[in-house]
Protein backbone atom coordinates (compact mmCIF):
# COMPACT_ATOMS: atom_id res chain seq x y z
CA MET A 1 -189.02 -19.84 -81.91
CA ALA A 2 -185.21 -19.74 -81.59
CA ARG A 3 -185.28 -19.44 -77.88
CA ASN A 4 -187.86 -22.43 -77.70
CA ARG A 5 -186.05 -24.62 -80.06
CA ASN A 6 -182.80 -24.00 -77.86
CA PHE A 7 -184.83 -24.59 -74.42
CA PHE A 8 -186.18 -27.89 -75.91
CA SER A 9 -182.83 -28.91 -77.23
CA ALA A 10 -181.25 -28.33 -73.74
CA LYS A 11 -183.90 -30.22 -72.18
CA ALA A 12 -183.62 -33.24 -74.28
CA LEU A 13 -179.70 -33.02 -73.79
CA LEU A 14 -180.24 -33.00 -70.14
CA LEU A 15 -182.73 -36.18 -70.37
CA ALA A 16 -180.27 -37.91 -72.47
CA VAL A 17 -177.33 -37.23 -69.87
CA ALA A 18 -179.80 -38.56 -67.04
CA ALA A 19 -180.53 -41.59 -68.93
CA VAL A 20 -176.84 -42.48 -69.58
CA SER A 21 -176.10 -41.75 -65.88
CA ALA A 22 -178.94 -44.19 -64.60
CA VAL A 23 -177.69 -46.78 -67.04
CA THR A 24 -174.10 -46.16 -65.98
CA SER A 25 -175.05 -46.45 -62.38
CA GLU A 26 -176.90 -49.80 -62.72
CA LEU A 27 -173.84 -51.15 -64.73
CA ALA A 28 -171.57 -49.88 -61.68
CA VAL A 29 -173.75 -51.66 -59.29
CA TRP A 30 -173.81 -54.93 -61.52
CA SER A 31 -170.19 -54.83 -61.90
CA PHE A 32 -169.41 -54.60 -58.17
CA SER A 33 -171.67 -57.24 -57.22
CA ARG A 34 -170.77 -59.59 -59.79
CA PRO A 35 -167.38 -60.60 -58.37
CA ALA A 36 -169.00 -61.70 -55.10
CA VAL A 37 -171.33 -64.05 -57.07
CA ALA A 38 -168.19 -65.49 -58.95
CA ALA A 39 -166.11 -65.75 -55.93
CA GLU A 40 -168.60 -68.32 -54.48
CA ARG A 41 -167.87 -70.49 -57.47
CA GLN A 42 -164.36 -71.15 -55.80
CA VAL A 43 -163.32 -72.36 -52.59
CA THR A 44 -159.67 -71.79 -51.22
CA VAL A 45 -158.41 -74.80 -49.29
CA TYR A 46 -155.30 -74.85 -47.05
CA THR A 47 -154.22 -78.41 -46.42
CA PRO A 48 -151.11 -80.45 -45.21
CA SER A 49 -152.57 -83.33 -47.18
CA GLY A 50 -152.60 -82.30 -50.88
CA ARG A 51 -152.12 -85.53 -52.42
CA TYR A 52 -155.42 -87.05 -50.82
CA LEU A 53 -157.58 -84.18 -51.53
CA ALA A 54 -156.32 -83.88 -55.04
CA ALA A 55 -157.81 -87.18 -55.64
CA VAL A 56 -161.27 -86.12 -54.62
CA ASN A 57 -161.33 -82.58 -55.57
CA PRO A 58 -162.29 -83.20 -59.34
CA LYS A 59 -165.55 -85.02 -58.10
CA PHE A 60 -166.35 -82.07 -55.90
CA GLU A 61 -165.84 -79.64 -58.84
CA GLN A 62 -167.87 -81.77 -61.08
CA GLU A 63 -170.82 -82.07 -58.60
CA THR A 64 -171.02 -78.35 -57.45
CA GLY A 65 -169.33 -76.35 -60.26
CA ILE A 66 -167.29 -74.82 -57.61
CA ARG A 67 -163.53 -74.59 -58.31
CA VAL A 68 -161.12 -75.73 -55.61
CA LYS A 69 -158.18 -73.58 -55.19
CA MET A 70 -155.70 -75.74 -52.97
CA ILE A 71 -152.72 -74.53 -51.24
CA GLU A 72 -150.63 -77.09 -49.49
CA ALA A 73 -148.04 -76.61 -46.87
CA GLY A 74 -146.99 -78.15 -43.58
CA SER A 75 -149.62 -77.86 -40.58
CA GLY A 76 -147.60 -75.32 -38.73
CA GLU A 77 -147.03 -73.06 -41.81
CA ILE A 78 -150.76 -73.19 -42.51
CA LEU A 79 -151.67 -72.14 -38.96
CA GLN A 80 -149.04 -69.26 -39.19
CA ARG A 81 -150.63 -68.09 -42.33
CA VAL A 82 -154.26 -68.17 -41.19
CA LYS A 83 -153.21 -66.22 -38.21
CA ALA A 84 -151.38 -63.58 -40.21
CA GLU A 85 -154.46 -63.24 -42.51
CA ALA A 86 -157.04 -63.11 -39.73
CA ALA A 87 -157.83 -59.31 -40.17
CA ARG A 88 -158.67 -60.15 -44.01
CA PRO A 89 -158.79 -63.92 -44.71
CA LEU A 90 -157.80 -65.22 -48.15
CA GLY A 91 -158.53 -68.89 -47.32
CA ASP A 92 -161.82 -70.46 -46.78
CA VAL A 93 -161.19 -74.03 -45.33
CA ILE A 94 -158.40 -75.87 -43.38
CA ALA A 95 -158.99 -79.52 -44.42
CA ALA A 96 -157.54 -82.75 -43.56
CA MET A 97 -155.45 -81.53 -40.67
CA SER A 98 -154.86 -83.14 -37.27
CA THR A 99 -157.82 -82.56 -35.17
CA ASN A 100 -155.55 -82.07 -32.26
CA LEU A 101 -154.07 -78.95 -33.92
CA LEU A 102 -157.73 -77.83 -34.94
CA ASP A 103 -158.56 -78.02 -31.22
CA GLN A 104 -155.43 -75.73 -30.31
CA SER A 105 -156.29 -73.26 -33.15
CA ALA A 106 -159.94 -72.82 -32.30
CA ASN A 107 -159.57 -68.87 -32.27
CA LEU A 108 -158.87 -69.08 -35.83
CA VAL A 109 -161.76 -71.13 -37.33
CA GLU A 110 -165.41 -71.34 -36.83
CA ALA A 111 -166.59 -73.74 -34.13
CA SER A 112 -167.80 -77.12 -35.23
CA ALA A 113 -171.44 -77.84 -35.45
CA GLY A 114 -171.01 -81.14 -33.49
CA PRO A 115 -168.83 -82.37 -30.70
CA ASP A 116 -166.12 -83.16 -33.11
CA TRP A 117 -164.51 -81.64 -36.21
CA PRO A 118 -165.87 -82.99 -39.46
CA GLY A 119 -163.35 -85.95 -40.23
CA PHE A 120 -161.74 -86.99 -43.53
CA SER A 121 -159.99 -89.93 -42.34
CA LYS A 122 -158.46 -91.60 -39.37
CA VAL A 123 -154.48 -91.56 -38.98
CA VAL A 124 -152.23 -93.95 -37.09
CA GLY A 125 -149.74 -91.25 -36.81
CA ASN A 126 -146.40 -92.66 -35.33
CA VAL A 127 -145.16 -95.95 -36.77
CA PHE A 128 -141.43 -96.76 -37.80
CA ILE A 129 -140.89 -97.31 -41.45
CA VAL A 130 -137.74 -99.42 -41.77
CA ASN A 131 -135.94 -100.05 -45.14
CA THR A 132 -134.52 -103.65 -44.60
CA LYS A 133 -131.92 -103.40 -47.24
CA THR A 134 -130.31 -100.17 -45.70
CA LEU A 135 -130.78 -101.43 -42.26
CA GLY A 136 -128.53 -104.37 -43.04
CA ASP A 137 -127.35 -106.07 -40.12
CA LEU A 138 -128.34 -103.34 -37.49
CA PRO A 139 -131.09 -104.27 -35.08
CA MET A 140 -134.86 -103.70 -35.90
CA PRO A 141 -135.90 -100.91 -33.70
CA LYS A 142 -138.94 -101.92 -31.31
CA GLY A 143 -139.52 -98.46 -29.80
CA TRP A 144 -138.48 -94.89 -29.25
CA LYS A 145 -135.67 -95.68 -26.70
CA ASP A 146 -134.12 -98.02 -29.24
CA LEU A 147 -133.84 -94.96 -31.66
CA ALA A 148 -131.07 -93.73 -29.33
CA ASN A 149 -128.71 -96.46 -30.65
CA PRO A 150 -125.38 -94.79 -31.84
CA ALA A 151 -125.41 -97.22 -34.78
CA TYR A 152 -128.31 -95.33 -36.33
CA LYS A 153 -126.46 -92.00 -36.52
CA GLY A 154 -127.58 -90.26 -39.63
CA ASN A 155 -130.04 -92.99 -40.71
CA ILE A 156 -133.22 -91.85 -39.07
CA ALA A 157 -135.54 -89.38 -40.80
CA TYR A 158 -137.98 -87.23 -38.84
CA ALA A 159 -139.98 -84.35 -40.35
CA GLY A 160 -139.54 -81.78 -37.77
CA ALA A 161 -142.14 -80.55 -35.07
CA ASP A 162 -142.20 -76.90 -36.09
CA LYS A 163 -143.01 -77.99 -39.88
CA SER A 164 -145.17 -81.02 -39.77
CA GLY A 165 -148.33 -81.67 -37.93
CA SER A 166 -147.83 -85.18 -37.74
CA ALA A 167 -144.12 -84.73 -36.40
CA TYR A 168 -145.64 -82.58 -33.85
CA ALA A 169 -148.20 -85.41 -32.92
CA GLN A 170 -145.34 -87.88 -32.70
CA LEU A 171 -143.23 -85.85 -30.32
CA ALA A 172 -146.51 -84.90 -28.06
CA THR A 173 -147.26 -88.50 -27.96
CA LEU A 174 -143.84 -89.37 -26.54
CA LEU A 175 -144.15 -86.65 -23.96
CA GLY A 176 -147.62 -88.07 -22.88
CA VAL A 177 -146.45 -91.72 -22.68
CA TYR A 178 -143.23 -90.87 -20.53
CA GLY A 179 -144.28 -87.75 -18.86
CA GLU A 180 -142.77 -84.42 -20.09
CA GLU A 181 -139.54 -84.69 -18.02
CA GLN A 182 -138.65 -88.30 -19.08
CA GLY A 183 -140.29 -87.92 -22.52
CA TRP A 184 -137.91 -84.91 -23.43
CA LYS A 185 -134.84 -87.27 -22.36
CA VAL A 186 -135.86 -90.08 -24.47
CA PHE A 187 -136.41 -87.73 -27.51
CA GLU A 188 -133.32 -85.80 -27.07
CA ALA A 189 -131.35 -89.13 -26.94
CA ALA A 190 -132.84 -90.11 -30.26
CA LEU A 191 -132.43 -86.71 -31.95
CA ALA A 192 -128.76 -87.24 -31.90
CA ASN A 193 -129.28 -89.63 -34.37
CA PHE A 194 -131.94 -87.93 -36.71
CA ILE A 195 -131.84 -86.21 -40.01
CA ILE A 196 -134.48 -83.33 -40.01
CA THR A 197 -136.21 -83.34 -43.58
CA ASP A 198 -138.82 -80.50 -42.94
CA SER A 199 -141.33 -82.54 -44.67
CA SER A 200 -143.39 -85.65 -43.87
CA GLY A 201 -143.09 -86.69 -47.56
CA LYS A 202 -139.30 -86.57 -47.60
CA VAL A 203 -139.35 -88.93 -44.57
CA VAL A 204 -141.25 -91.72 -46.14
CA ASN A 205 -140.08 -91.31 -49.62
CA GLY A 206 -136.51 -91.13 -48.39
CA VAL A 207 -136.66 -94.49 -46.58
CA GLY A 208 -138.48 -96.07 -49.47
CA ARG A 209 -135.47 -95.19 -51.81
CA GLY A 210 -133.07 -96.28 -49.20
CA GLU A 211 -131.62 -92.91 -48.03
CA TYR A 212 -132.32 -93.70 -44.65
CA ALA A 213 -132.87 -96.92 -42.75
CA ILE A 214 -135.54 -95.59 -40.47
CA GLY A 215 -138.34 -92.99 -40.59
CA ILE A 216 -141.10 -91.75 -38.14
CA THR A 217 -144.31 -91.35 -40.35
CA SER A 218 -147.89 -92.32 -40.49
CA GLU A 219 -149.22 -95.95 -41.08
CA ASP A 220 -150.73 -95.20 -44.50
CA SER A 221 -147.64 -93.52 -45.99
CA ALA A 222 -145.74 -96.59 -44.85
CA TYR A 223 -148.00 -98.93 -46.21
CA ALA A 224 -148.23 -97.16 -49.42
CA GLN A 225 -144.41 -97.65 -49.74
CA LYS A 226 -144.73 -101.33 -48.96
CA LEU A 227 -147.51 -102.07 -51.42
CA ALA A 228 -145.44 -100.20 -54.14
CA GLY A 229 -142.65 -102.80 -53.75
CA ALA A 230 -140.13 -100.91 -51.49
CA PRO A 231 -138.17 -103.15 -49.13
CA VAL A 232 -139.75 -101.79 -45.93
CA GLU A 233 -141.44 -103.02 -42.78
CA ILE A 234 -143.77 -101.22 -40.38
CA VAL A 235 -143.00 -101.12 -36.83
CA TYR A 236 -145.76 -100.18 -34.46
CA PRO A 237 -143.58 -98.91 -31.40
CA SER A 238 -143.85 -100.62 -28.22
CA GLU A 239 -145.00 -97.48 -26.39
CA GLY A 240 -148.23 -97.66 -28.43
CA VAL A 241 -149.43 -95.33 -31.41
CA LEU A 242 -151.50 -92.22 -31.66
CA VAL A 243 -154.64 -92.58 -33.47
CA TYR A 244 -156.64 -89.53 -34.43
CA ALA A 245 -158.86 -87.98 -37.05
CA ASP A 246 -157.80 -85.41 -39.43
CA GLY A 247 -160.57 -83.14 -39.62
CA SER A 248 -161.66 -79.75 -41.51
CA ALA A 249 -162.85 -76.31 -40.37
CA ILE A 250 -164.09 -73.11 -41.95
CA ILE A 251 -161.86 -70.31 -41.36
CA ARG A 252 -163.30 -67.37 -39.43
CA ASN A 253 -164.84 -64.73 -41.77
CA ALA A 254 -163.89 -66.96 -44.80
CA PRO A 255 -164.93 -64.95 -47.92
CA ASN A 256 -166.62 -67.90 -49.61
CA ARG A 257 -168.23 -69.43 -46.59
CA ASP A 258 -171.29 -71.21 -48.39
CA ALA A 259 -168.70 -73.01 -50.75
CA ALA A 260 -166.55 -73.78 -47.72
CA ALA A 261 -169.52 -75.47 -45.94
CA LYS A 262 -170.26 -77.44 -49.08
CA TYR A 263 -166.74 -78.43 -49.47
CA ILE A 264 -166.51 -79.79 -45.63
CA ALA A 265 -169.80 -81.62 -46.17
CA PHE A 266 -168.60 -83.38 -49.24
CA LEU A 267 -165.22 -84.52 -47.42
CA SER A 268 -167.45 -86.19 -44.63
CA ARG A 269 -169.28 -88.37 -47.09
CA PRO A 270 -168.76 -92.19 -47.05
CA ASP A 271 -168.30 -92.48 -50.94
CA VAL A 272 -165.65 -89.84 -50.80
CA GLN A 273 -163.86 -91.43 -47.69
CA LYS A 274 -164.04 -94.68 -49.65
CA ILE A 275 -161.70 -92.99 -52.23
CA ALA A 276 -159.11 -92.32 -49.52
CA VAL A 277 -159.26 -95.88 -48.26
CA ASP A 278 -158.93 -97.47 -51.80
CA THR A 279 -156.37 -95.11 -52.97
CA PHE A 280 -154.17 -94.07 -50.06
CA HIS A 281 -154.85 -96.88 -47.49
CA ARG A 282 -156.19 -94.63 -44.80
CA ARG A 283 -158.63 -95.65 -41.99
CA PRO A 284 -162.28 -94.22 -42.67
CA VAL A 285 -164.00 -92.18 -40.21
CA ALA A 286 -167.56 -92.54 -41.62
CA ALA A 287 -169.59 -95.49 -40.48
CA GLY A 288 -170.15 -98.28 -43.26
CA VAL A 289 -166.66 -97.81 -44.92
CA GLU A 290 -164.33 -100.91 -44.60
CA MET A 291 -160.84 -100.25 -43.46
CA PRO A 292 -157.78 -101.03 -45.66
CA ALA A 293 -157.00 -104.76 -46.23
CA GLY A 294 -153.72 -105.89 -44.79
CA LEU A 295 -153.49 -103.44 -41.70
CA PRO A 296 -153.95 -104.54 -37.98
CA ALA A 297 -157.63 -103.84 -37.10
CA GLN A 298 -156.79 -102.53 -33.61
CA PRO A 299 -153.24 -101.42 -33.10
CA GLN A 300 -152.08 -100.85 -29.58
CA GLU A 301 -152.81 -97.39 -28.71
CA ALA A 302 -150.45 -95.04 -26.45
CA LYS A 303 -151.27 -94.97 -22.86
CA MET A 304 -151.27 -91.43 -21.76
CA PRO A 305 -153.45 -88.87 -20.02
CA ALA A 306 -156.78 -88.15 -21.59
CA GLY A 307 -156.63 -85.29 -24.09
CA PHE A 308 -152.87 -84.92 -23.38
CA VAL A 309 -151.90 -84.25 -27.01
CA ASP A 310 -154.96 -81.77 -27.20
CA THR A 311 -154.27 -79.71 -24.21
CA ILE A 312 -150.33 -79.55 -23.98
CA ASP A 313 -148.78 -76.11 -24.64
CA ARG A 314 -147.95 -76.57 -28.44
CA ASP A 315 -145.95 -73.12 -28.38
CA ALA A 316 -144.00 -74.27 -25.49
CA VAL A 317 -143.30 -77.62 -27.04
CA ILE A 318 -142.10 -76.13 -30.43
CA LYS A 319 -140.11 -73.62 -28.33
CA ARG A 320 -138.07 -76.31 -26.56
CA TYR A 321 -137.74 -78.46 -29.73
CA LEU A 322 -136.06 -75.66 -31.71
CA ALA A 323 -133.96 -74.84 -28.81
CA LEU A 324 -132.71 -78.58 -29.01
CA ILE A 325 -132.21 -78.71 -32.58
CA ARG A 326 -130.18 -75.36 -32.83
CA ARG A 327 -127.72 -76.22 -30.15
């Protein structure tokens, strides 16, 4: 009888251990799968346009329950980061970036479902903002060649083509209008008068405060300073302006792809783009949304070969630009 009691006790112990092991295994499976579900409740967004997206992100979070983790940096820095993380992406979306740069970075992002990248707003990317008080008796510049006037020395703010997507587009437009050989000469002559700020925000805010007389910036940023009461005027360069959409794309192998797709669809909605128009005076991409009041309906666009800004070798342009500023 003692042997039978020991046998049944041992058998009961084995059954108990097996039951605990089964429960533990189920818990292990649940615990490993749960973060994947939780991760889809967040989308990590890389953008050079943080102040615009910050105005619409709460609406997205409220509607979807998905938290937006936004990381803001210059366009060049973002593309370098995505490239460095390509083997194991940490971001999900590149949002509100120049479509010209997205075109040139197609190996880093998923292809667009349509002919164009999903747009958030339309940008007039290369106007001059001029602080009339700081300018004083100096002549009002009309075009890029005027920026070479020695009287402007140290009084022109430029964000830097290696740090800012908009500054790169400004340089590329100049090369497209004049041709690369002559365009570099025009740029180099003006560069002697530039203060490189490394940030588009520093350009427009510096001119608004009177730290610089002239800045090369986007239309919406300049117009915001004017509406805020800064003594500034907007000059549309005689060479014409570059008009482009800022678009969004899903990063290849994004860890939260479904959330990324929802975020991009959200940015493309007319009611969301109306926020960008009303708050930041950006021109809309979506049909049926009125453009900001007080801006010219159709500024003169720069005349250059079709697709020039999209197809010019960006790495070569940046390399030559850096060689100039480091001399």
